[in-house]
Amino acid sequence: MVEKRYKTQYLLCRVISKVIYVPGVLFFVIMDTRGYCAIMEIYDYPILPVATRLATPEDAASVFKEETILAIKEPRFSETFPGDEVTLLVYSASDIEILKPDDPVVCDVQWIDRRRFVEIKDDEPKKDLMEWKRVGNEVCSQSRPD
């Protein structure tokens, strides 16, 4: 696993996917101001202010909604194998700051419109995870030689 940490810097990004919550770890996709995307993994984030019960996926989704703007202190990127997707790792809740859209840090920021990368049709029904898996399996099976 190759890791790169950017000391004394921060990454300004926003959440562009739904949160996947496994107890102890949050996963979602982020996009920076230039349109680059990465998977983000946050470990041991205190989703609930007081641990009176176990957090649920709904609790996690209420904290990291789509379009939530984040500032990540000293971002650490990991590439498990050369050529793999890059993952942004966060091990401490103090390395994440959730910003409001009117925060002075982001008021003059120009965000790349993510629709420039993927055509989004509002009238097209949304695919769930199993539908995307089926589509991916179909594409892979078509590209394999017999």
C-alpha atoms as a PDB file:
ATOM      1  CA  MET A   1       0.000   0.000   0.000  1.00  0.00           C
ATOM      2  CA  VAL A   2       1.409   3.367  -1.041  1.00  0.00           C
ATOM      3  CA  GLU A   3       0.410   6.390   1.062  1.00  0.00           C
ATOM      4  CA  LYS A   4       1.011  10.090   0.510  1.00  0.00           C
ATOM      5  CA  ARG A   5       0.273  12.688   3.183  1.00  0.00           C
ATOM      6  CA  TYR A   6       0.141  16.393   2.392  1.00  0.00           C
ATOM      7  CA  LYS A   7       1.424  18.048   5.574  1.00  0.00           C
ATOM      8  CA  THR A   8       0.496  21.675   6.322  1.00  0.00           C
ATOM      9  CA  GLN A   9      -2.169  21.588   3.568  1.00  0.00           C
ATOM     10  CA  TYR A  10      -5.890  20.991   3.431  1.00  0.00           C
ATOM     11  CA  LEU A  11      -8.229  19.599   0.814  1.00  0.00           C
ATOM     12  CA  LEU A  12     -11.483  21.360   0.030  1.00  0.00           C
ATOM     13  CA  CYS A  13     -14.030  18.887  -1.316  1.00  0.00           C
ATOM     14  CA  ARG A  14     -17.687  17.970  -1.309  1.00  0.00           C
ATOM     15  CA  VAL A  15     -19.614  14.755  -0.909  1.00  0.00           C
ATOM     16  CA  ILE A  16     -21.069  13.483  -4.195  1.00  0.00           C
ATOM     17  CA  SER A  17     -22.482  10.085  -3.219  1.00  0.00           C
ATOM     18  CA  LYS A  18     -24.531   8.432  -0.561  1.00  0.00           C
ATOM     19  CA  VAL A  19     -22.749   7.247   2.570  1.00  0.00           C
ATOM     20  CA  ILE A  20     -22.044   3.573   3.139  1.00  0.00           C
ATOM     21  CA  TYR A  21     -21.768   2.924   6.856  1.00  0.00           C
ATOM     22  CA  VAL A  22     -20.139  -0.097   8.427  1.00  0.00           C
ATOM     23  CA  PRO A  23     -19.746   0.230  12.208  1.00  0.00           C
ATOM     24  CA  GLY A  24     -16.511   2.123  12.696  1.00  0.00           C
ATOM     25  CA  VAL A  25     -16.034   3.144   9.036  1.00  0.00           C
ATOM     26  CA  LEU A  26     -17.805   5.551   6.678  1.00  0.00           C
ATOM     27  CA  PHE A  27     -17.339   5.339   2.897  1.00  0.00           C
ATOM     28  CA  PHE A  28     -18.419   7.848   0.257  1.00  0.00           C
ATOM     29  CA  VAL A  29     -17.126   9.573  -2.855  1.00  0.00           C
ATOM     30  CA  ILE A  30     -15.759  13.120  -2.730  1.00  0.00           C
ATOM     31  CA  MET A  31     -14.917  15.593  -5.488  1.00  0.00           C
ATOM     32  CA  ASP A  32     -12.450  18.447  -5.187  1.00  0.00           C
ATOM     33  CA  THR A  33     -12.825  21.877  -6.767  1.00  0.00           C
ATOM     34  CA  ARG A  34     -11.109  20.735  -9.985  1.00  0.00           C
ATOM     35  CA  GLY A  35     -13.451  17.780 -10.471  1.00  0.00           C
ATOM     36  CA  TYR A  36     -11.115  15.011  -9.275  1.00  0.00           C
ATOM     37  CA  CYS A  37     -12.888  12.245  -7.384  1.00  0.00           C
ATOM     38  CA  ALA A  38     -11.749   9.813  -4.726  1.00  0.00           C
ATOM     39  CA  ILE A  39     -13.263   7.345  -2.334  1.00  0.00           C
ATOM     40  CA  MET A  40     -13.147   8.635   1.225  1.00  0.00           C
ATOM     41  CA  GLU A  41     -12.830   6.358   4.238  1.00  0.00           C
ATOM     42  CA  ILE A  42     -13.385   7.854   7.683  1.00  0.00           C
ATOM     43  CA  TYR A  43     -12.531   5.718  10.691  1.00  0.00           C
ATOM     44  CA  ASP A  44     -14.153   6.035  14.120  1.00  0.00           C
ATOM     45  CA  TYR A  45     -16.077   9.236  13.387  1.00  0.00           C
ATOM     46  CA  PRO A  46     -18.397  10.174  16.284  1.00  0.00           C
ATOM     47  CA  ILE A  47     -21.685  10.218  14.379  1.00  0.00           C
ATOM     48  CA  LEU A  48     -23.786  10.621  17.496  1.00  0.00           C
ATOM     49  CA  PRO A  49     -22.944  13.408  19.964  1.00  0.00           C
ATOM     50  CA  VAL A  50     -23.389  11.020  22.894  1.00  0.00           C
ATOM     51  CA  ALA A  51     -22.958   7.283  22.449  1.00  0.00           C
ATOM     52  CA  THR A  52     -26.300   6.290  23.969  1.00  0.00           C
ATOM     53  CA  ARG A  53     -26.931   3.763  21.200  1.00  0.00           C
ATOM     54  CA  LEU A  54     -25.232   2.309  18.152  1.00  0.00           C
ATOM     55  CA  ALA A  55     -25.222   4.614  15.148  1.00  0.00           C
ATOM     56  CA  THR A  56     -27.230   3.557  12.105  1.00  0.00           C
ATOM     57  CA  PRO A  57     -26.673   4.132   8.371  1.00  0.00           C
ATOM     58  CA  GLU A  58     -29.404   6.794   8.564  1.00  0.00           C
ATOM     59  CA  ASP A  59     -27.452   8.627  11.282  1.00  0.00           C
ATOM     60  CA  ALA A  60     -24.336   8.603   9.085  1.00  0.00           C
ATOM     61  CA  ALA A  61     -26.310   9.813   6.066  1.00  0.00           C
ATOM     62  CA  SER A  62     -27.689  12.734   8.080  1.00  0.00           C
ATOM     63  CA  VAL A  63     -24.152  13.953   8.886  1.00  0.00           C
ATOM     64  CA  PHE A  64     -22.574  13.515   5.426  1.00  0.00           C
ATOM     65  CA  LYS A  65     -25.339  14.415   2.983  1.00  0.00           C
ATOM     66  CA  GLU A  66     -24.644  14.801  -0.728  1.00  0.00           C
ATOM     67  CA  GLU A  67     -23.186  18.254  -1.512  1.00  0.00           C
ATOM     68  CA  THR A  68     -21.806  18.629   2.038  1.00  0.00           C
ATOM     69  CA  ILE A  69     -18.607  20.688   1.845  1.00  0.00           C
ATOM     70  CA  LEU A  70     -15.593  19.395   3.751  1.00  0.00           C
ATOM     71  CA  ALA A  71     -12.145  20.711   4.585  1.00  0.00           C
ATOM     72  CA  ILE A  72      -9.725  17.841   5.251  1.00  0.00           C
ATOM     73  CA  LYS A  73      -6.612  18.729   7.242  1.00  0.00           C
ATOM     74  CA  GLU A  74      -3.348  17.202   5.971  1.00  0.00           C
ATOM     75  CA  PRO A  75      -5.083  14.770   3.607  1.00  0.00           C
ATOM     76  CA  ARG A  76      -3.658  11.269   3.346  1.00  0.00           C
ATOM     77  CA  PHE A  77      -4.175   9.412   0.080  1.00  0.00           C
ATOM     78  CA  SER A  78      -3.620   5.707  -0.380  1.00  0.00           C
ATOM     79  CA  GLU A  79      -3.236   3.549  -3.465  1.00  0.00           C
ATOM     80  CA  THR A  80      -3.436  -0.111  -2.517  1.00  0.00           C
ATOM     81  CA  PHE A  81      -1.995  -1.353  -5.797  1.00  0.00           C
ATOM     82  CA  PRO A  82      -0.432   0.718  -8.588  1.00  0.00           C
ATOM     83  CA  GLY A  83      -3.191   1.829 -10.950  1.00  0.00           C
ATOM     84  CA  ASP A  84      -5.973   1.312  -8.392  1.00  0.00           C
ATOM     85  CA  GLU A  85      -8.415   4.004  -7.394  1.00  0.00           C
ATOM     86  CA  VAL A  86      -7.045   6.500  -4.917  1.00  0.00           C
ATOM     87  CA  THR A  87      -8.603   6.504  -1.463  1.00  0.00           C
ATOM     88  CA  LEU A  88      -8.605   9.434   0.957  1.00  0.00           C
ATOM     89  CA  LEU A  89      -8.075   8.099   4.483  1.00  0.00           C
ATOM     90  CA  VAL A  90      -9.136   9.973   7.618  1.00  0.00           C
ATOM     91  CA  TYR A  91      -8.271   8.468  10.984  1.00  0.00           C
ATOM     92  CA  SER A  92      -9.193  11.371  13.254  1.00  0.00           C
ATOM     93  CA  ALA A  93     -12.435  13.324  13.468  1.00  0.00           C
ATOM     94  CA  SER A  94     -10.375  16.434  14.206  1.00  0.00           C
ATOM     95  CA  ASP A  95      -9.006  16.267  10.623  1.00  0.00           C
ATOM     96  CA  ILE A  96     -12.480  16.963   9.169  1.00  0.00           C
ATOM     97  CA  GLU A  97     -14.311  20.267   9.189  1.00  0.00           C
ATOM     98  CA  ILE A  98     -17.857  20.409   7.820  1.00  0.00           C
ATOM     99  CA  LEU A  99     -18.332  23.813   6.189  1.00  0.00           C
ATOM    100  CA  LYS A 100     -21.492  25.744   5.428  1.00  0.00           C
ATOM    101  CA  PRO A 101     -21.959  27.011   1.839  1.00  0.00           C
ATOM    102  CA  ASP A 102     -21.697  30.627   3.074  1.00  0.00           C
ATOM    103  CA  ASP A 103     -18.435  30.009   4.955  1.00  0.00           C
ATOM    104  CA  PRO A 104     -15.764  32.575   3.934  1.00  0.00           C
ATOM    105  CA  VAL A 105     -13.429  29.707   3.008  1.00  0.00           C
ATOM    106  CA  VAL A 106     -15.752  28.554   0.227  1.00  0.00           C
ATOM    107  CA  CYS A 107     -17.646  31.696  -0.803  1.00  0.00           C
ATOM    108  CA  ASP A 108     -15.415  32.384  -3.853  1.00  0.00           C
ATOM    109  CA  VAL A 109     -14.734  28.760  -4.793  1.00  0.00           C
ATOM    110  CA  GLN A 110     -15.763  27.645  -8.282  1.00  0.00           C
ATOM    111  CA  TRP A 111     -16.888  24.009  -8.270  1.00  0.00           C
ATOM    112  CA  ILE A 112     -16.689  21.915 -11.413  1.00  0.00           C
ATOM    113  CA  ASP A 113     -20.166  20.727 -12.365  1.00  0.00           C
ATOM    114  CA  ARG A 114     -20.066  16.947 -11.992  1.00  0.00           C
ATOM    115  CA  ARG A 115     -22.664  16.551 -14.719  1.00  0.00           C
ATOM    116  CA  ARG A 116     -19.946  17.398 -17.203  1.00  0.00           C
ATOM    117  CA  PHE A 117     -18.505  13.939 -16.519  1.00  0.00           C
ATOM    118  CA  VAL A 118     -21.716  11.915 -16.439  1.00  0.00           C
ATOM    119  CA  GLU A 119     -24.950  12.658 -18.198  1.00  0.00           C
ATOM    120  CA  ILE A 120     -27.647  12.791 -15.551  1.00  0.00           C
ATOM    121  CA  LYS A 121     -31.212  12.522 -16.734  1.00  0.00           C
ATOM    122  CA  ASP A 122     -33.788  13.628 -14.190  1.00  0.00           C
ATOM    123  CA  ASP A 123     -36.543  11.497 -15.723  1.00  0.00           C
ATOM    124  CA  GLU A 124     -34.413   8.304 -15.694  1.00  0.00           C
ATOM    125  CA  PRO A 125     -35.092   6.040 -12.707  1.00  0.00           C
ATOM    126  CA  LYS A 126     -32.193   5.823 -10.254  1.00  0.00           C
ATOM    127  CA  LYS A 127     -30.255   2.545 -10.195  1.00  0.00           C
ATOM    128  CA  ASP A 128     -29.717   0.811  -6.892  1.00  0.00           C
ATOM    129  CA  LEU A 129     -26.521  -1.046  -5.999  1.00  0.00           C
ATOM    130  CA  MET A 130     -27.734  -4.410  -7.319  1.00  0.00           C
ATOM    131  CA  GLU A 131     -28.751  -2.821 -10.644  1.00  0.00           C
ATOM    132  CA  TRP A 132     -25.271  -1.302 -11.046  1.00  0.00           C
ATOM    133  CA  LYS A 133     -23.760  -4.714 -10.242  1.00  0.00           C
ATOM    134  CA  ARG A 134     -25.923  -6.340 -12.925  1.00  0.00           C
ATOM    135  CA  VAL A 135     -24.925  -3.700 -15.490  1.00  0.00           C
ATOM    136  CA  GLY A 136     -21.228  -4.125 -14.618  1.00  0.00           C
ATOM    137  CA  ASN A 137     -21.401  -7.914 -14.843  1.00  0.00           C
ATOM    138  CA  GLU A 138     -23.154  -7.660 -18.200  1.00  0.00           C
ATOM    139  CA  VAL A 139     -20.480  -5.320 -19.603  1.00  0.00           C
ATOM    140  CA  CYS A 140     -17.659  -7.547 -18.309  1.00  0.00           C
ATOM    141  CA  SER A 141     -19.197 -10.706 -19.723  1.00  0.00           C
ATOM    142  CA  GLN A 142     -19.522  -9.053 -23.159  1.00  0.00           C
ATOM    143  CA  SER A 143     -15.874  -7.997 -23.214  1.00  0.00           C
ATOM    144  CA  ARG A 144     -14.432 -11.427 -22.351  1.00  0.00           C
ATOM    145  CA  PRO A 145     -13.289 -13.659 -25.211  1.00  0.00           C
ATOM    146  CA  ASP A 146     -14.953 -17.072 -25.328  1.00  0.00           C
END
